[in-house]
Amino acid sequence: MNAASSPAAALGAVQAIALAYAAADPAAAFRAIDGYAHASLAHALCTINRYDAGAMRVVRLYSSNPEAYPPGGSKDKAGTAWGRHVLQERRVFVGEGEDAIREFFDDHGAIRELGLRSVINVPVVYGEACLGTVNFLMPRAEVSDADVHAARLAGLLALPAFQELLRQQ
């Protein structure tokens, strides 16, 4: 077991999430959720997007690599298979290998340049509404069931932050 996945590190990550929610700080919650998920996923990039259903567009709220993927960036997902799968049908998307990334993401070149070869996109859902997505990109080409479960848990942990952002609108 490495230091990042030690029980003390996991407890510290949970504590950071709890403190962020106690302070009603969605940005701090997103950072803490990224840290918590990293112990399981060893991802190289985490982004968190708000979903604008009317425009069928996602807007980046958080990025673990703001130089490559700055907050505020947006992507139009109207008419895409990914948008239908994740945003409208509210299902987790798993893309394994460079071919899958190329097929589903317009920014596949930037993803490849970062050495990323797999992705898990988790819709953050409350009731019938998709509020956004939590996204993990990894340098390995394959994703395990345990990876998908860890990513789904991170999406659930992000729900209160999305609800707070909606309340603030």
Foldseek 3Di string as FASTA:
>chain_A
DDPLQDPVNLVVLVVQLVVCVVVLHLQSNLVSLVSNLCSPQVFPKKWKWFADVVQQKTFTCDIPDCVLPNGGDMDRCPPAPVSCQCFQVVHKDKAFALVSCVRHDPVSVSCVVVQWTMKIWGFQDDDNGGGIIIMTTHNHRDDDPSSNVSRNVSSPSSNVSSVSVVVVD
